[in-house]
Amino acid sequence: MNITETISKELTAGNDLPNFKAGDNITVYYTIKEGEKQRTQFFKGDVIQRKGSGATETFTIRKISHSIGVERIFPINSPLIEKIELNKKGKVRRARIYYLRELTGKKARIKEMR
């Protein structure tokens, strides 16, 4: 085993995140540093994609804020992420659901898995 594999195993073993995939609705609680102050902010939306593997894995969340679509990319192994809550399991047929970017209103809803 080389050094990069060893480091990536150490990074991935530290966090206990729920299993989520594209289409799921999640809430990410993350720390924001403003000067010397710290506060926790949350970002709630639908997972558009998961990308990468190991220490470099990321996921993209999309939400609608004041009728404007907002997307944010988070690294899975970020120390700034405090916790991730799984709100709804979505039923989609794609791993990357970019088609949501063009949809608005009721068409942009994702069916919930039962």
Protein backbone atom coordinates (compact mmCIF):
# COMPACT_ATOMS: atom_id res chain seq x y z
CA MET A 1 0.00 0.00 0.00
CA ASN A 2 1.42 3.41 -0.89
CA ILE A 3 1.24 6.66 1.06
CA THR A 4 -1.76 8.16 -0.77
CA GLU A 5 -3.95 5.12 -0.05
CA THR A 6 -2.95 5.22 3.63
CA ILE A 7 -3.81 8.91 3.96
CA SER A 8 -7.14 8.50 2.16
CA LYS A 9 -8.14 5.64 4.50
CA GLU A 10 -7.36 7.81 7.53
CA LEU A 11 -9.47 10.66 6.16
CA THR A 12 -12.49 8.53 5.27
CA ALA A 13 -12.56 6.64 8.57
CA GLY A 14 -13.17 9.78 10.65
CA ASN A 15 -16.74 10.71 9.73
CA ASP A 16 -20.00 8.85 10.19
CA LEU A 17 -22.28 10.18 7.45
CA PRO A 18 -25.62 8.67 6.40
CA ASN A 19 -25.88 6.88 3.07
CA PHE A 20 -27.36 9.28 0.53
CA LYS A 21 -27.44 9.44 -3.24
CA ALA A 22 -28.71 11.65 -6.03
CA GLY A 23 -32.34 12.62 -5.55
CA ASP A 24 -32.27 12.57 -1.76
CA ASN A 25 -33.21 15.66 0.23
CA ILE A 26 -30.59 16.38 2.90
CA THR A 27 -29.60 19.10 5.34
CA VAL A 28 -25.89 19.87 5.74
CA TYR A 29 -24.79 21.66 8.91
CA TYR A 30 -21.41 23.34 8.40
CA THR A 31 -19.22 25.79 10.28
CA ILE A 32 -18.61 29.30 8.98
CA LYS A 33 -15.67 31.32 10.28
CA GLU A 34 -16.12 35.09 10.22
CA GLY A 35 -13.02 36.69 11.62
CA GLU A 36 -12.57 35.10 15.03
CA LYS A 37 -16.22 34.10 15.40
CA GLN A 38 -17.67 30.75 14.37
CA ARG A 39 -21.26 29.83 13.72
CA THR A 40 -23.17 26.91 12.28
CA GLN A 41 -25.23 27.35 9.15
CA PHE A 42 -27.33 24.79 7.33
CA PHE A 43 -28.00 24.19 3.65
CA LYS A 44 -31.09 22.14 2.83
CA GLY A 45 -31.76 20.86 -0.66
CA ASP A 46 -31.72 17.98 -3.14
CA VAL A 47 -28.56 16.09 -3.96
CA ILE A 48 -27.76 16.60 -7.64
CA GLN A 49 -24.70 14.36 -7.80
CA ARG A 50 -21.93 12.57 -5.94
CA LYS A 51 -18.57 12.73 -7.65
CA GLY A 52 -15.14 11.22 -7.05
CA SER A 53 -14.05 8.57 -4.60
CA GLY A 54 -12.08 8.24 -1.40
CA ALA A 55 -10.62 11.41 0.06
CA THR A 56 -11.58 13.57 -2.93
CA GLU A 57 -15.29 12.71 -3.06
CA THR A 58 -17.73 15.63 -3.33
CA PHE A 59 -21.48 16.09 -3.54
CA THR A 60 -23.59 18.90 -4.98
CA ILE A 61 -26.80 20.17 -3.38
CA ARG A 62 -29.39 22.36 -5.11
CA LYS A 63 -32.09 24.45 -3.47
CA ILE A 64 -34.44 27.21 -4.58
CA SER A 65 -33.96 30.44 -2.63
CA HIS A 66 -36.30 33.33 -3.46
CA SER A 67 -37.12 31.77 -6.86
CA ILE A 68 -33.41 31.50 -7.76
CA GLY A 69 -31.63 28.16 -7.96
CA VAL A 70 -28.60 27.89 -5.68
CA GLU A 71 -26.09 25.04 -5.87
CA ARG A 72 -23.28 24.32 -3.46
CA ILE A 73 -20.52 21.73 -3.67
CA PHE A 74 -19.30 20.10 -0.45
CA PRO A 75 -16.34 17.75 0.00
CA ILE A 76 -17.42 14.61 1.86
CA ASN A 77 -14.37 14.66 4.15
CA SER A 78 -14.49 18.35 5.01
CA PRO A 79 -13.78 19.10 8.68
CA LEU A 80 -16.20 22.03 8.45
CA ILE A 81 -19.21 19.72 8.03
CA GLU A 82 -20.69 19.06 11.46
CA LYS A 83 -23.47 16.68 10.45
CA ILE A 84 -25.71 15.64 7.58
CA GLU A 85 -29.39 14.82 8.08
CA LEU A 86 -31.30 12.74 5.56
CA ASN A 87 -34.79 14.27 5.18
CA LYS A 88 -36.28 12.27 2.28
CA LYS A 89 -35.15 9.42 0.07
CA GLY A 90 -35.77 10.35 -3.55
CA LYS A 91 -36.68 8.05 -6.40
CA VAL A 92 -34.69 8.99 -9.51
CA ARG A 93 -33.29 6.98 -12.40
CA ARG A 94 -30.07 8.90 -12.92
CA ALA A 95 -26.87 9.36 -10.93
CA ARG A 96 -26.58 13.00 -11.98
CA ILE A 97 -29.87 14.84 -12.20
CA TYR A 98 -28.86 18.03 -13.99
CA TYR A 99 -32.26 18.20 -15.69
CA LEU A 100 -33.64 19.79 -12.50
CA ARG A 101 -31.85 23.01 -13.43
CA GLU A 102 -34.34 23.74 -16.21
CA LEU A 103 -37.44 22.75 -14.24
CA THR A 104 -39.43 25.02 -11.93
CA GLY A 105 -42.44 24.63 -9.68
CA LYS A 106 -44.21 21.30 -9.44
CA LYS A 107 -42.18 19.81 -12.29
CA ALA A 108 -39.02 20.12 -10.19
CA ARG A 109 -40.36 17.81 -7.48
CA ILE A 110 -38.71 14.45 -6.87
CA LYS A 111 -40.88 11.46 -5.96
CA GLU A 112 -40.28 10.05 -2.50
CA MET A 113 -39.28 6.45 -2.10
CA ARG A 114 -41.65 4.36 0.01
